[in-house]
C-alpha atoms as a PDB file:
ATOM      1  CA  UNK A   1      13.756  -2.440  10.131  1.00  0.00           C
ATOM      2  CA  UNK A   2      16.586  -0.470  11.699  1.00  0.00           C
ATOM      3  CA  UNK A   3      14.060   2.090  12.931  1.00  0.00           C
ATOM      4  CA  UNK A   4      11.649  -0.386  14.536  1.00  0.00           C
ATOM      5  CA  UNK A   5      11.111   0.059  18.257  1.00  0.00           C
ATOM      6  CA  UNK A   6       9.499  -2.414  20.628  1.00  0.00           C
ATOM      7  CA  UNK A   7       7.190   0.197  22.119  1.00  0.00           C
ATOM      8  CA  UNK A   8       6.015   1.140  18.623  1.00  0.00           C
ATOM      9  CA  UNK A   9       4.913  -2.466  18.059  1.00  0.00           C
ATOM     10  CA  UNK A  10       2.959  -2.517  21.269  1.00  0.00           C
ATOM     11  CA  UNK A  11       1.269   0.836  20.714  1.00  0.00           C
ATOM     12  CA  UNK A  12       0.186   0.188  17.140  1.00  0.00           C
ATOM     13  CA  UNK A  13      -1.016  -3.420  17.118  1.00  0.00           C
ATOM     14  CA  UNK A  14      -3.993  -5.151  18.745  1.00  0.00           C
ATOM     15  CA  UNK A  15      -2.790  -6.864  21.953  1.00  0.00           C
ATOM     16  CA  UNK A  16      -6.087  -8.730  22.393  1.00  0.00           C
ATOM     17  CA  UNK A  17      -5.601 -10.468  19.061  1.00  0.00           C
ATOM     18  CA  UNK A  18      -2.147 -11.669  20.018  1.00  0.00           C
ATOM     19  CA  UNK A  19      -3.385 -12.887  23.400  1.00  0.00           C
ATOM     20  CA  UNK A  20      -6.264 -14.699  21.697  1.00  0.00           C
ATOM     21  CA  UNK A  21      -3.713 -16.487  19.501  1.00  0.00           C
ATOM     22  CA  UNK A  22      -2.304 -17.977  22.725  1.00  0.00           C
ATOM     23  CA  UNK A  23       1.168 -16.586  22.221  1.00  0.00           C
ATOM     24  CA  UNK A  24       3.316 -17.643  25.177  1.00  0.00           C
ATOM     25  CA  UNK A  25       6.924 -16.893  24.225  1.00  0.00           C
ATOM     26  CA  UNK A  26       8.756 -13.614  23.741  1.00  0.00           C
ATOM     27  CA  UNK A  27      10.192 -14.747  20.405  1.00  0.00           C
ATOM     28  CA  UNK A  28       6.749 -15.661  19.045  1.00  0.00           C
ATOM     29  CA  UNK A  29       5.242 -12.396  20.263  1.00  0.00           C
ATOM     30  CA  UNK A  30       7.949 -10.247  18.679  1.00  0.00           C
ATOM     31  CA  UNK A  31       7.936 -12.199  15.397  1.00  0.00           C
ATOM     32  CA  UNK A  32       4.155 -11.869  15.059  1.00  0.00           C
ATOM     33  CA  UNK A  33       4.267  -8.150  15.796  1.00  0.00           C
ATOM     34  CA  UNK A  34       7.259  -7.573  13.503  1.00  0.00           C
ATOM     35  CA  UNK A  35       5.789  -9.557  10.607  1.00  0.00           C
ATOM     36  CA  UNK A  36       2.466  -7.690  10.820  1.00  0.00           C
ATOM     37  CA  UNK A  37       4.297  -4.353  10.954  1.00  0.00           C
ATOM     38  CA  UNK A  38       6.644  -5.176   8.064  1.00  0.00           C
ATOM     39  CA  UNK A  39       3.844  -6.622   5.917  1.00  0.00           C
ATOM     40  CA  UNK A  40       1.861  -3.398   6.253  1.00  0.00           C
ATOM     41  CA  UNK A  41       4.928  -1.319   5.385  1.00  0.00           C
ATOM     42  CA  UNK A  42       5.718  -3.535   2.379  1.00  0.00           C
ATOM     43  CA  UNK A  43       2.202  -3.106   0.984  1.00  0.00           C
ATOM     44  CA  UNK A  44       2.530   0.674   1.216  1.00  0.00           C
ATOM     45  CA  UNK A  45       6.020   0.866  -0.242  1.00  0.00           C
ATOM     46  CA  UNK A  46       5.355  -1.555  -3.084  1.00  0.00           C
ATOM     47  CA  UNK A  47       2.076   0.175  -3.881  1.00  0.00           C
ATOM     48  CA  UNK A  48       3.970   3.466  -4.204  1.00  0.00           C
ATOM     49  CA  UNK A  49       6.535   1.754  -6.433  1.00  0.00           C
ATOM     50  CA  UNK A  50       3.857   0.314  -8.731  1.00  0.00           C
ATOM     51  CA  UNK A  51       2.212   3.722  -8.977  1.00  0.00           C
ATOM     52  CA  UNK A  52       5.564   5.225  -9.981  1.00  0.00           C
ATOM     53  CA  UNK A  53       6.063   2.495 -12.579  1.00  0.00           C
ATOM     54  CA  UNK A  54       2.628   3.163 -14.057  1.00  0.00           C
ATOM     55  CA  UNK A  55       3.353   6.895 -14.321  1.00  0.00           C
ATOM     56  CA  UNK A  56       6.732   6.144 -15.944  1.00  0.00           C
ATOM     57  CA  UNK A  57       5.203   3.746 -18.492  1.00  0.00           C
ATOM     58  CA  UNK A  58       2.439   6.176 -19.399  1.00  0.00           C
ATOM     59  CA  UNK A  59       4.877   9.097 -19.656  1.00  0.00           C
ATOM     60  CA  UNK A  60       6.979   7.078 -22.094  1.00  0.00           C
ATOM     61  CA  UNK A  61       4.062   6.003 -24.300  1.00  0.00           C
ATOM     62  CA  UNK A  62       1.482   8.804 -24.067  1.00  0.00           C
ATOM     63  CA  UNK A  63       3.458  11.659 -22.505  1.00  0.00           C
ATOM     64  CA  UNK A  64       1.537  11.086 -19.287  1.00  0.00           C
ATOM     65  CA  UNK A  65       2.444  13.052 -16.184  1.00  0.00           C
ATOM     66  CA  UNK A  66       2.128  12.924 -12.450  1.00  0.00           C
ATOM     67  CA  UNK A  67      -0.913  15.031 -11.664  1.00  0.00           C
ATOM     68  CA  UNK A  68      -0.789  18.089  -9.419  1.00  0.00           C
ATOM     69  CA  UNK A  69      -4.538  17.871  -8.836  1.00  0.00           C
ATOM     70  CA  UNK A  70      -5.607  16.603  -5.412  1.00  0.00           C
ATOM     71  CA  UNK A  71      -6.569  12.922  -5.403  1.00  0.00           C
ATOM     72  CA  UNK A  72      -5.345  12.333  -8.972  1.00  0.00           C
ATOM     73  CA  UNK A  73      -2.152  10.358  -9.590  1.00  0.00           C
ATOM     74  CA  UNK A  74      -1.784  10.446 -13.363  1.00  0.00           C
ATOM     75  CA  UNK A  75      -3.035  12.477 -16.330  1.00  0.00           C
ATOM     76  CA  UNK A  76      -2.615  11.881 -20.039  1.00  0.00           C
ATOM     77  CA  UNK A  77      -4.260  12.808 -23.336  1.00  0.00           C
ATOM     78  CA  UNK A  78      -5.301  10.348 -26.003  1.00  0.00           C
ATOM     79  CA  UNK A  79      -7.713  10.713 -28.931  1.00  0.00           C
ATOM     80  CA  UNK A  80      -8.811  14.176 -27.736  1.00  0.00           C
ATOM     81  CA  UNK A  81      -9.677  12.845 -24.265  1.00  0.00           C
ATOM     82  CA  UNK A  82      -7.995  13.902 -21.020  1.00  0.00           C
ATOM     83  CA  UNK A  83      -7.774  10.901 -18.717  1.00  0.00           C
ATOM     84  CA  UNK A  84      -7.458  11.508 -14.984  1.00  0.00           C
ATOM     85  CA  UNK A  85      -6.451   8.437 -13.027  1.00  0.00           C
ATOM     86  CA  UNK A  86      -6.421   7.410  -9.385  1.00  0.00           C
ATOM     87  CA  UNK A  87      -4.014   4.467  -9.051  1.00  0.00           C
ATOM     88  CA  UNK A  88      -4.465   1.726  -6.436  1.00  0.00           C
ATOM     89  CA  UNK A  89      -2.544  -1.505  -5.920  1.00  0.00           C
ATOM     90  CA  UNK A  90      -5.502  -3.889  -6.173  1.00  0.00           C
ATOM     91  CA  UNK A  91      -9.261  -3.893  -6.760  1.00  0.00           C
ATOM     92  CA  UNK A  92     -10.360  -4.197  -3.126  1.00  0.00           C
ATOM     93  CA  UNK A  93      -8.626  -1.091  -1.876  1.00  0.00           C
ATOM     94  CA  UNK A  94     -11.353   0.865  -0.114  1.00  0.00           C
ATOM     95  CA  UNK A  95     -14.681   0.954   1.676  1.00  0.00           C
ATOM     96  CA  UNK A  96     -17.743   2.920   0.549  1.00  0.00           C
ATOM     97  CA  UNK A  97     -16.539   6.105   2.246  1.00  0.00           C
ATOM     98  CA  UNK A  98     -13.143   5.963   0.532  1.00  0.00           C
ATOM     99  CA  UNK A  99     -14.728   5.260  -2.841  1.00  0.00           C
ATOM    100  CA  UNK A 100     -17.099   8.212  -2.330  1.00  0.00           C
ATOM    101  CA  UNK A 101     -14.045  10.369  -1.582  1.00  0.00           C
ATOM    102  CA  UNK A 102     -12.407   9.246  -4.839  1.00  0.00           C
ATOM    103  CA  UNK A 103     -15.580  10.093  -6.734  1.00  0.00           C
ATOM    104  CA  UNK A 104     -15.591  13.548  -5.159  1.00  0.00           C
ATOM    105  CA  UNK A 105     -11.927  14.028  -6.102  1.00  0.00           C
ATOM    106  CA  UNK A 106     -12.759  13.106  -9.703  1.00  0.00           C
ATOM    107  CA  UNK A 107     -15.627  15.605  -9.721  1.00  0.00           C
ATOM    108  CA  UNK A 108     -13.448  18.384  -8.317  1.00  0.00           C
ATOM    109  CA  UNK A 109     -10.608  17.614 -10.740  1.00  0.00           C
ATOM    110  CA  UNK A 110     -12.948  17.778 -13.735  1.00  0.00           C
ATOM    111  CA  UNK A 111     -14.287  21.142 -12.586  1.00  0.00           C
ATOM    112  CA  UNK A 112     -10.763  22.496 -12.070  1.00  0.00           C
ATOM    113  CA  UNK A 113      -9.489  21.312 -15.448  1.00  0.00           C
ATOM    114  CA  UNK A 114     -12.502  22.687 -17.316  1.00  0.00           C
ATOM    115  CA  UNK A 115     -11.955  26.097 -15.757  1.00  0.00           C
ATOM    116  CA  UNK A 116      -8.894  26.567 -17.945  1.00  0.00           C
ATOM    117  CA  UNK A 117     -10.225  24.655 -20.964  1.00  0.00           C
ATOM    118  CA  UNK A 118     -14.021  24.609 -21.103  1.00  0.00           C
ATOM    119  CA  UNK A 119     -14.363  22.230 -24.032  1.00  0.00           C
ATOM    120  CA  UNK A 120     -12.086  19.570 -22.575  1.00  0.00           C
ATOM    121  CA  UNK A 121     -13.461  16.007 -22.741  1.00  0.00           C
ATOM    122  CA  UNK A 122     -12.434  14.351 -19.462  1.00  0.00           C
ATOM    123  CA  UNK A 123     -12.770  10.715 -18.359  1.00  0.00           C
ATOM    124  CA  UNK A 124     -11.969   9.532 -14.846  1.00  0.00           C
ATOM    125  CA  UNK A 125     -10.365   6.130 -14.241  1.00  0.00           C
ATOM    126  CA  UNK A 126      -9.613   4.104 -11.139  1.00  0.00           C
ATOM    127  CA  UNK A 127      -6.600   2.040 -12.213  1.00  0.00           C
ATOM    128  CA  UNK A 128      -5.630  -1.052 -10.201  1.00  0.00           C
ATOM    129  CA  UNK A 129      -2.225  -2.643 -10.774  1.00  0.00           C
ATOM    130  CA  UNK A 130      -3.469  -6.204 -10.274  1.00  0.00           C
ATOM    131  CA  UNK A 131      -6.762  -8.069 -10.184  1.00  0.00           C
ATOM    132  CA  UNK A 132      -9.791  -8.348 -12.450  1.00  0.00           C
ATOM    133  CA  UNK A 133     -12.797  -6.072 -12.927  1.00  0.00           C
ATOM    134  CA  UNK A 134     -15.527  -7.494 -15.163  1.00  0.00           C
ATOM    135  CA  UNK A 135     -17.774  -4.418 -14.978  1.00  0.00           C
ATOM    136  CA  UNK A 136     -15.484  -1.436 -15.603  1.00  0.00           C
ATOM    137  CA  UNK A 137     -18.176   1.205 -16.227  1.00  0.00           C
ATOM    138  CA  UNK A 138     -19.088   2.683 -12.835  1.00  0.00           C
ATOM    139  CA  UNK A 139     -21.194   5.497 -14.237  1.00  0.00           C
ATOM    140  CA  UNK A 140     -19.074   8.517 -13.376  1.00  0.00           C
ATOM    141  CA  UNK A 141     -15.733   6.730 -13.772  1.00  0.00           C
ATOM    142  CA  UNK A 142     -14.166   3.574 -15.185  1.00  0.00           C
ATOM    143  CA  UNK A 143     -12.322   0.926 -13.195  1.00  0.00           C
ATOM    144  CA  UNK A 144      -9.557  -0.963 -15.006  1.00  0.00           C
ATOM    145  CA  UNK A 145      -7.610  -3.704 -13.220  1.00  0.00           C
ATOM    146  CA  UNK A 146      -4.620  -5.906 -14.004  1.00  0.00           C
ATOM    147  CA  UNK A 147      -4.093  -6.519 -17.701  1.00  0.00           C
ATOM    148  CA  UNK A 148      -6.759  -3.980 -18.673  1.00  0.00           C
ATOM    149  CA  UNK A 149      -5.074  -1.217 -16.654  1.00  0.00           C
ATOM    150  CA  UNK A 150      -1.555  -1.830 -17.954  1.00  0.00           C
ATOM    151  CA  UNK A 151      -2.899  -2.055 -21.520  1.00  0.00           C
ATOM    152  CA  UNK A 152      -4.847   1.178 -21.009  1.00  0.00           C
ATOM    153  CA  UNK A 153      -1.745   3.179 -20.027  1.00  0.00           C
ATOM    154  CA  UNK A 154       0.689   1.524 -22.456  1.00  0.00           C
ATOM    155  CA  UNK A 155      -1.110   0.036 -25.456  1.00  0.00           C
ATOM    156  CA  UNK A 156       0.716  -3.258 -24.796  1.00  0.00           C
ATOM    157  CA  UNK A 157      -1.529  -6.258 -24.134  1.00  0.00           C
ATOM    158  CA  UNK A 158       1.195  -8.337 -22.454  1.00  0.00           C
ATOM    159  CA  UNK A 159       2.758  -5.630 -20.288  1.00  0.00           C
ATOM    160  CA  UNK A 160       1.101  -6.995 -17.148  1.00  0.00           C
ATOM    161  CA  UNK A 161       3.160 -10.157 -17.700  1.00  0.00           C
ATOM    162  CA  UNK A 162       6.293  -8.466 -19.015  1.00  0.00           C
ATOM    163  CA  UNK A 163       6.853  -6.474 -15.801  1.00  0.00           C
ATOM    164  CA  UNK A 164       6.861  -9.533 -13.508  1.00  0.00           C
ATOM    165  CA  UNK A 165      10.182 -11.079 -14.563  1.00  0.00           C
ATOM    166  CA  UNK A 166      12.449  -8.026 -13.966  1.00  0.00           C
ATOM    167  CA  UNK A 167      11.246  -7.952 -10.356  1.00  0.00           C
ATOM    168  CA  UNK A 168      13.407 -11.031  -9.714  1.00  0.00           C
ATOM    169  CA  UNK A 169      16.592  -9.164 -10.698  1.00  0.00           C
ATOM    170  CA  UNK A 170      19.013  -9.191  -7.761  1.00  0.00           C
ATOM    171  CA  UNK A 171      16.196 -10.544  -5.554  1.00  0.00           C
ATOM    172  CA  UNK A 172      18.367 -13.335  -4.121  1.00  0.00           C
ATOM    173  CA  UNK A 173      21.070 -10.922  -2.976  1.00  0.00           C
ATOM    174  CA  UNK A 174      18.546  -8.486  -1.512  1.00  0.00           C
ATOM    175  CA  UNK A 175      16.659 -11.291   0.246  1.00  0.00           C
ATOM    176  CA  UNK A 176      19.868 -12.487   1.877  1.00  0.00           C
ATOM    177  CA  UNK A 177      20.567  -8.971   3.147  1.00  0.00           C
ATOM    178  CA  UNK A 178      17.003  -8.695   4.387  1.00  0.00           C
ATOM    179  CA  UNK A 179      17.226 -12.039   6.216  1.00  0.00           C
ATOM    180  CA  UNK A 180      20.402 -10.975   8.014  1.00  0.00           C
ATOM    181  CA  UNK A 181      18.935  -7.647   9.146  1.00  0.00           C
ATOM    182  CA  UNK A 182      15.617  -9.298  10.018  1.00  0.00           C
ATOM    183  CA  UNK A 183      17.358 -11.828  12.287  1.00  0.00           C
ATOM    184  CA  UNK A 184      19.355  -9.106  14.025  1.00  0.00           C
ATOM    185  CA  UNK A 185      16.207  -7.064  14.596  1.00  0.00           C
ATOM    186  CA  UNK A 186      14.281 -10.040  16.013  1.00  0.00           C
ATOM    187  CA  UNK A 187      17.102 -10.938  18.382  1.00  0.00           C
ATOM    188  CA  UNK A 188      17.511  -7.372  19.605  1.00  0.00           C
ATOM    189  CA  UNK A 189      13.824  -6.703  20.191  1.00  0.00           C
ATOM    190  CA  UNK A 190      13.181 -10.138  21.710  1.00  0.00           C
ATOM    191  CA  UNK A 191      15.857  -9.415  24.306  1.00  0.00           C
ATOM    192  CA  UNK A 192      14.251  -6.039  25.062  1.00  0.00           C
ATOM    193  CA  UNK A 193      10.847  -7.703  25.325  1.00  0.00           C
ATOM    194  CA  UNK A 194      12.076 -10.282  27.837  1.00  0.00           C
ATOM    195  CA  UNK A 195      13.701  -7.540  29.928  1.00  0.00           C
ATOM    196  CA  UNK A 196      10.668  -5.228  29.905  1.00  0.00           C
ATOM    197  CA  UNK A 197       7.539  -7.353  29.480  1.00  0.00           C
ATOM    198  CA  UNK A 198       8.215 -10.741  31.039  1.00  0.00           C
ATOM    199  CA  UNK A 199       7.995 -11.822  34.664  1.00  0.00           C
ATOM    200  CA  UNK A 200      10.927 -13.508  36.374  1.00  0.00           C
ATOM    201  CA  UNK A 201       9.383 -16.917  35.663  1.00  0.00           C
ATOM    202  CA  UNK A 202       9.460 -16.110  31.922  1.00  0.00           C
ATOM    203  CA  UNK A 203       5.703 -15.582  31.396  1.00  0.00           C
ATOM    204  CA  UNK A 204       4.444 -12.531  29.484  1.00  0.00           C
ATOM    205  CA  UNK A 205       3.084  -9.576  31.460  1.00  0.00           C
ATOM    206  CA  UNK A 206      -0.042  -9.011  29.350  1.00  0.00           C
ATOM    207  CA  UNK A 207      -1.456  -6.415  31.735  1.00  0.00           C
ATOM    208  CA  UNK A 208       1.591  -4.207  31.203  1.00  0.00           C
ATOM    209  CA  UNK A 209       1.312  -4.620  27.434  1.00  0.00           C
ATOM    210  CA  UNK A 210      -2.371  -3.633  27.448  1.00  0.00           C
ATOM    211  CA  UNK A 211      -1.608  -0.608  29.645  1.00  0.00           C
ATOM    212  CA  UNK A 212       1.085   0.605  27.230  1.00  0.00           C
ATOM    213  CA  UNK A 213      -1.288   0.048  24.297  1.00  0.00           C
ATOM    214  CA  UNK A 214      -4.594   1.354  25.637  1.00  0.00           C
ATOM    215  CA  UNK A 215      -4.454   3.069  29.030  1.00  0.00           C
ATOM    216  CA  UNK A 216      -5.718   6.657  29.174  1.00  0.00           C
ATOM    217  CA  UNK A 217      -3.002   9.200  29.802  1.00  0.00           C
ATOM    218  CA  UNK A 218      -3.839  11.130  32.979  1.00  0.00           C
END
């Protein structure tokens, strides 16, 4: 939050959406922009953290390792099978183009691994840290979500539940720190917004906002 800049908000978010929501105050505008920005950042950061946790769990149980192969997050061997895994936060992570890219990455990884060990039996897995997938067999790869994924990499049926409680450790203290910094950020950027993007009568200068967001640079 300390790095957030007002102009970054305006350049990255859809001004038409915020106008359509009939936002009329500087405080409301900044809070909506900030919350959308922070929510997106949280999803990315927490997704990375969950991926790291999955790699750690698998390394502890099955000697799994962070893969050096492009598009693959985790590799481990079990019962004479090399598993190559692409880890996502949840089941609805990508469109058809992104899924096709993952399939291509799996295909390339298999070819690369078999170059050094021709007889290697390789299975590709799309692992999702939460959610449910009732049809895991996708033909050229498997998709395991939620309990099935955590069981797959750990052998523990209840791990998907066991990891939820430790997340609350020190949460109250961290949330209080977050709230303080969040309030300071909102106050600071709201003041900047009023100075730069409001008329003297207090109304929002939407034309200026749209120009900053979308005008061609000549």
